[in-house]
Amino acid sequence: MSKVKVVRPFSLTRDDGSKDDFIVGEHDLSDADLGHWYVKAHLDKSVESDAAIAEAKARTDQLAIHKERTEAEKADVAQGQVDLAEVTAAREKAEAESKAQAEAKAAADAKAAADAKAQADADAAKAAATQQSQQKK
């Protein structure tokens, strides 16, 4: 049974021949009577049956649960983005450090090669000078 508000008086004749008269006001109706199209036309649409109210509440509860899950998923995604940014920054820092080390090693190797060439040139010049001085004697 559901409590409804009749906004226009009417008479309902059921399939079994029974008849009920409804005046304006609140009435208790069975779900079978409440589902009848003629009854629906005479009711205040803001008043819902107990079943409709229960269904709406269940749907509202489902939506609340869905919203909570969605918010949790959004938080997980946001945390994943933060984690990804941190990992990306760490990788970029490691790559930059590795590149700097490689450049420093290449510079040190180039300097060592230049120093070795300079030393070899100096040794060759010294040897040539020594040889010339020995030839003059």
C-alpha atoms as a PDB file:
ATOM      1  CA  MET A   1       0.000   0.000   0.000  1.00  0.00           C
ATOM      2  CA  SER A   2       1.144   3.468  -0.833  1.00  0.00           C
ATOM      3  CA  LYS A   3      -0.093   6.783   0.459  1.00  0.00           C
ATOM      4  CA  VAL A   4      -1.045   9.105  -2.417  1.00  0.00           C
ATOM      5  CA  LYS A   5      -2.639  12.492  -2.824  1.00  0.00           C
ATOM      6  CA  VAL A   6      -5.670  12.693  -5.116  1.00  0.00           C
ATOM      7  CA  VAL A   7      -5.874  16.128  -6.755  1.00  0.00           C
ATOM      8  CA  ARG A   8      -9.136  15.531  -8.703  1.00  0.00           C
ATOM      9  CA  PRO A   9     -12.049  13.353  -7.558  1.00  0.00           C
ATOM     10  CA  PHE A  10     -12.672  10.223  -9.634  1.00  0.00           C
ATOM     11  CA  SER A  11     -14.258   6.789  -9.656  1.00  0.00           C
ATOM     12  CA  LEU A  12     -12.190   3.720 -10.402  1.00  0.00           C
ATOM     13  CA  THR A  13     -13.929   0.677 -11.842  1.00  0.00           C
ATOM     14  CA  ARG A  14     -11.618  -2.342 -11.749  1.00  0.00           C
ATOM     15  CA  ASP A  15     -11.602  -5.297 -14.171  1.00  0.00           C
ATOM     16  CA  ASP A  16     -13.463  -7.425 -11.606  1.00  0.00           C
ATOM     17  CA  GLY A  17     -16.316  -4.843 -11.547  1.00  0.00           C
ATOM     18  CA  SER A  18     -15.557  -3.439  -8.106  1.00  0.00           C
ATOM     19  CA  LYS A  19     -15.766   0.312  -7.882  1.00  0.00           C
ATOM     20  CA  ASP A  20     -14.189   2.899  -5.574  1.00  0.00           C
ATOM     21  CA  ASP A  21     -14.804   6.622  -5.432  1.00  0.00           C
ATOM     22  CA  PHE A  22     -11.893   8.851  -4.479  1.00  0.00           C
ATOM     23  CA  ILE A  23     -12.299  12.404  -3.266  1.00  0.00           C
ATOM     24  CA  VAL A  24      -9.518  15.019  -3.158  1.00  0.00           C
ATOM     25  CA  GLY A  25      -7.061  14.223  -0.370  1.00  0.00           C
ATOM     26  CA  GLU A  26      -4.722  11.477   0.791  1.00  0.00           C
ATOM     27  CA  HIS A  27      -5.592   7.830   0.263  1.00  0.00           C
ATOM     28  CA  ASP A  28      -3.892   4.457   0.690  1.00  0.00           C
ATOM     29  CA  LEU A  29      -3.786   2.592  -2.628  1.00  0.00           C
ATOM     30  CA  SER A  30      -2.590  -0.862  -3.519  1.00  0.00           C
ATOM     31  CA  ASP A  31       0.294  -1.086  -5.970  1.00  0.00           C
ATOM     32  CA  ALA A  32      -2.120  -2.594  -8.525  1.00  0.00           C
ATOM     33  CA  ASP A  33      -4.487   0.411  -8.270  1.00  0.00           C
ATOM     34  CA  LEU A  34      -1.539   2.816  -8.206  1.00  0.00           C
ATOM     35  CA  GLY A  35      -0.283   1.409 -11.504  1.00  0.00           C
ATOM     36  CA  HIS A  36      -3.619   2.011 -13.280  1.00  0.00           C
ATOM     37  CA  TRP A  37      -3.401   4.759 -15.903  1.00  0.00           C
ATOM     38  CA  TYR A  38      -6.666   6.364 -14.813  1.00  0.00           C
ATOM     39  CA  VAL A  39      -5.510   6.595 -11.200  1.00  0.00           C
ATOM     40  CA  LYS A  40      -2.206   8.128 -12.267  1.00  0.00           C
ATOM     41  CA  ALA A  41      -4.055  10.869 -14.136  1.00  0.00           C
ATOM     42  CA  HIS A  42      -5.748  12.002 -10.908  1.00  0.00           C
ATOM     43  CA  LEU A  43      -2.800  11.962  -8.511  1.00  0.00           C
ATOM     44  CA  ASP A  44      -0.385  14.628  -7.357  1.00  0.00           C
ATOM     45  CA  LYS A  45       2.759  13.729  -9.318  1.00  0.00           C
ATOM     46  CA  SER A  46       4.998  14.802  -6.438  1.00  0.00           C
ATOM     47  CA  VAL A  47       3.732  11.940  -4.275  1.00  0.00           C
ATOM     48  CA  GLU A  48       5.475   8.681  -5.102  1.00  0.00           C
ATOM     49  CA  SER A  49       4.651   5.125  -4.178  1.00  0.00           C
ATOM     50  CA  ASP A  50       6.698   3.371  -1.530  1.00  0.00           C
ATOM     51  CA  ALA A  51       8.187   1.177  -4.247  1.00  0.00           C
ATOM     52  CA  ALA A  52       9.160   4.212  -6.342  1.00  0.00           C
ATOM     53  CA  ILE A  53      10.675   5.904  -3.292  1.00  0.00           C
ATOM     54  CA  ALA A  54      12.623   2.748  -2.421  1.00  0.00           C
ATOM     55  CA  GLU A  55      13.797   2.444  -6.032  1.00  0.00           C
ATOM     56  CA  ALA A  56      14.874   6.094  -6.101  1.00  0.00           C
ATOM     57  CA  LYS A  57      16.723   5.669  -2.801  1.00  0.00           C
ATOM     58  CA  ALA A  58      18.483   2.544  -4.077  1.00  0.00           C
ATOM     59  CA  ARG A  59      19.490   4.400  -7.246  1.00  0.00           C
ATOM     60  CA  THR A  60      20.708   7.361  -5.181  1.00  0.00           C
ATOM     61  CA  ASP A  61      22.759   4.992  -3.028  1.00  0.00           C
ATOM     62  CA  GLN A  62      24.232   3.373  -6.155  1.00  0.00           C
ATOM     63  CA  LEU A  63      25.120   6.785  -7.544  1.00  0.00           C
ATOM     64  CA  ALA A  64      26.777   7.751  -4.255  1.00  0.00           C
ATOM     65  CA  ILE A  65      28.851   4.562  -4.324  1.00  0.00           C
ATOM     66  CA  HIS A  66      29.739   5.189  -7.966  1.00  0.00           C
ATOM     67  CA  LYS A  67      30.740   8.757  -7.105  1.00  0.00           C
ATOM     68  CA  GLU A  68      32.973   7.541  -4.259  1.00  0.00           C
ATOM     69  CA  ARG A  69      34.642   5.015  -6.578  1.00  0.00           C
ATOM     70  CA  THR A  70      35.076   7.655  -9.261  1.00  0.00           C
ATOM     71  CA  GLU A  71      36.635  10.056  -6.762  1.00  0.00           C
ATOM     72  CA  ALA A  72      38.963   7.293  -5.554  1.00  0.00           C
ATOM     73  CA  GLU A  73      39.921   6.469  -9.148  1.00  0.00           C
ATOM     74  CA  LYS A  74      40.543  10.170  -9.832  1.00  0.00           C
ATOM     75  CA  ALA A  75      42.791  10.300  -6.770  1.00  0.00           C
ATOM     76  CA  ASP A  76      44.638   7.188  -7.987  1.00  0.00           C
ATOM     77  CA  VAL A  77      45.108   8.740 -11.415  1.00  0.00           C
ATOM     78  CA  ALA A  78      46.374  11.974  -9.876  1.00  0.00           C
ATOM     79  CA  GLN A  79      48.816  10.042  -7.691  1.00  0.00           C
ATOM     80  CA  GLY A  80      49.920   8.064 -10.753  1.00  0.00           C
ATOM     81  CA  GLN A  81      50.576  11.321 -12.585  1.00  0.00           C
ATOM     82  CA  VAL A  82      52.631  12.603  -9.643  1.00  0.00           C
ATOM     83  CA  ASP A  83      54.565   9.319  -9.518  1.00  0.00           C
ATOM     84  CA  LEU A  84      55.149   9.436 -13.268  1.00  0.00           C
ATOM     85  CA  ALA A  85      56.391  13.028 -13.036  1.00  0.00           C
ATOM     86  CA  GLU A  86      58.783  12.059 -10.234  1.00  0.00           C
ATOM     87  CA  VAL A  87      60.103   9.046 -12.147  1.00  0.00           C
ATOM     88  CA  THR A  88      60.461  11.123 -15.316  1.00  0.00           C
ATOM     89  CA  ALA A  89      62.331  13.847 -13.427  1.00  0.00           C
ATOM     90  CA  ALA A  90      64.638  11.271 -11.826  1.00  0.00           C
ATOM     91  CA  ARG A  91      65.310   9.647 -15.213  1.00  0.00           C
ATOM     92  CA  GLU A  92      66.019  13.018 -16.835  1.00  0.00           C
ATOM     93  CA  LYS A  93      68.347  13.935 -13.958  1.00  0.00           C
ATOM     94  CA  ALA A  94      70.193  10.611 -14.285  1.00  0.00           C
ATOM     95  CA  GLU A  95      70.494  11.092 -18.055  1.00  0.00           C
ATOM     96  CA  ALA A  96      71.800  14.642 -17.566  1.00  0.00           C
ATOM     97  CA  GLU A  97      74.352  13.428 -14.986  1.00  0.00           C
ATOM     98  CA  SER A  98      75.414  10.586 -17.292  1.00  0.00           C
ATOM     99  CA  LYS A  99      75.784  13.006 -20.204  1.00  0.00           C
ATOM    100  CA  ALA A 100      77.786  15.420 -18.046  1.00  0.00           C
ATOM    101  CA  GLN A 101      80.059  12.581 -16.920  1.00  0.00           C
ATOM    102  CA  ALA A 102      80.518  11.432 -20.524  1.00  0.00           C
ATOM    103  CA  GLU A 103      81.325  14.992 -21.614  1.00  0.00           C
ATOM    104  CA  ALA A 104      83.768  15.422 -18.708  1.00  0.00           C
ATOM    105  CA  LYS A 105      85.455  12.110 -19.605  1.00  0.00           C
ATOM    106  CA  ALA A 106      85.644  13.098 -23.271  1.00  0.00           C
ATOM    107  CA  ALA A 107      87.157  16.469 -22.293  1.00  0.00           C
ATOM    108  CA  ALA A 108      89.662  14.758 -19.963  1.00  0.00           C
ATOM    109  CA  ASP A 109      90.553  12.243 -22.691  1.00  0.00           C
ATOM    110  CA  ALA A 110      90.987  15.074 -25.230  1.00  0.00           C
ATOM    111  CA  LYS A 111      93.201  16.999 -22.790  1.00  0.00           C
ATOM    112  CA  ALA A 112      95.260  13.899 -22.061  1.00  0.00           C
ATOM    113  CA  ALA A 113      95.659  13.297 -25.802  1.00  0.00           C
ATOM    114  CA  ALA A 114      96.617  16.941 -26.368  1.00  0.00           C
ATOM    115  CA  ASP A 115      99.090  16.809 -23.476  1.00  0.00           C
ATOM    116  CA  ALA A 116     100.574  13.566 -24.807  1.00  0.00           C
ATOM    117  CA  LYS A 117     100.913  15.094 -28.294  1.00  0.00           C
ATOM    118  CA  ALA A 118     102.487  18.235 -26.837  1.00  0.00           C
ATOM    119  CA  GLN A 119     104.894  16.100 -24.832  1.00  0.00           C
ATOM    120  CA  ALA A 120     105.681  13.996 -27.900  1.00  0.00           C
ATOM    121  CA  ASP A 121     106.244  17.159 -29.946  1.00  0.00           C
ATOM    122  CA  ALA A 122     108.472  18.584 -27.193  1.00  0.00           C
ATOM    123  CA  ASP A 123     110.418  15.334 -26.975  1.00  0.00           C
ATOM    124  CA  ALA A 124     110.774  15.268 -30.778  1.00  0.00           C
ATOM    125  CA  ALA A 125     111.955  18.877 -30.813  1.00  0.00           C
ATOM    126  CA  LYS A 126     114.421  18.166 -28.011  1.00  0.00           C
ATOM    127  CA  ALA A 127     115.674  15.096 -29.804  1.00  0.00           C
ATOM    128  CA  ALA A 128     116.042  17.077 -33.036  1.00  0.00           C
ATOM    129  CA  ALA A 129     117.917  19.830 -31.189  1.00  0.00           C
ATOM    130  CA  THR A 130     120.183  17.306 -29.531  1.00  0.00           C
ATOM    131  CA  GLN A 131     120.845  15.638 -32.858  1.00  0.00           C
ATOM    132  CA  GLN A 132     121.656  18.971 -34.521  1.00  0.00           C
ATOM    133  CA  SER A 133     124.010  19.925 -31.745  1.00  0.00           C
ATOM    134  CA  GLN A 134     125.766  16.600 -32.038  1.00  0.00           C
ATOM    135  CA  GLN A 135     126.119  17.011 -35.798  1.00  0.00           C
ATOM    136  CA  LYS A 136     127.681  20.434 -35.357  1.00  0.00           C
ATOM    137  CA  LYS A 137     130.319  19.117 -33.112  1.00  0.00           C
END
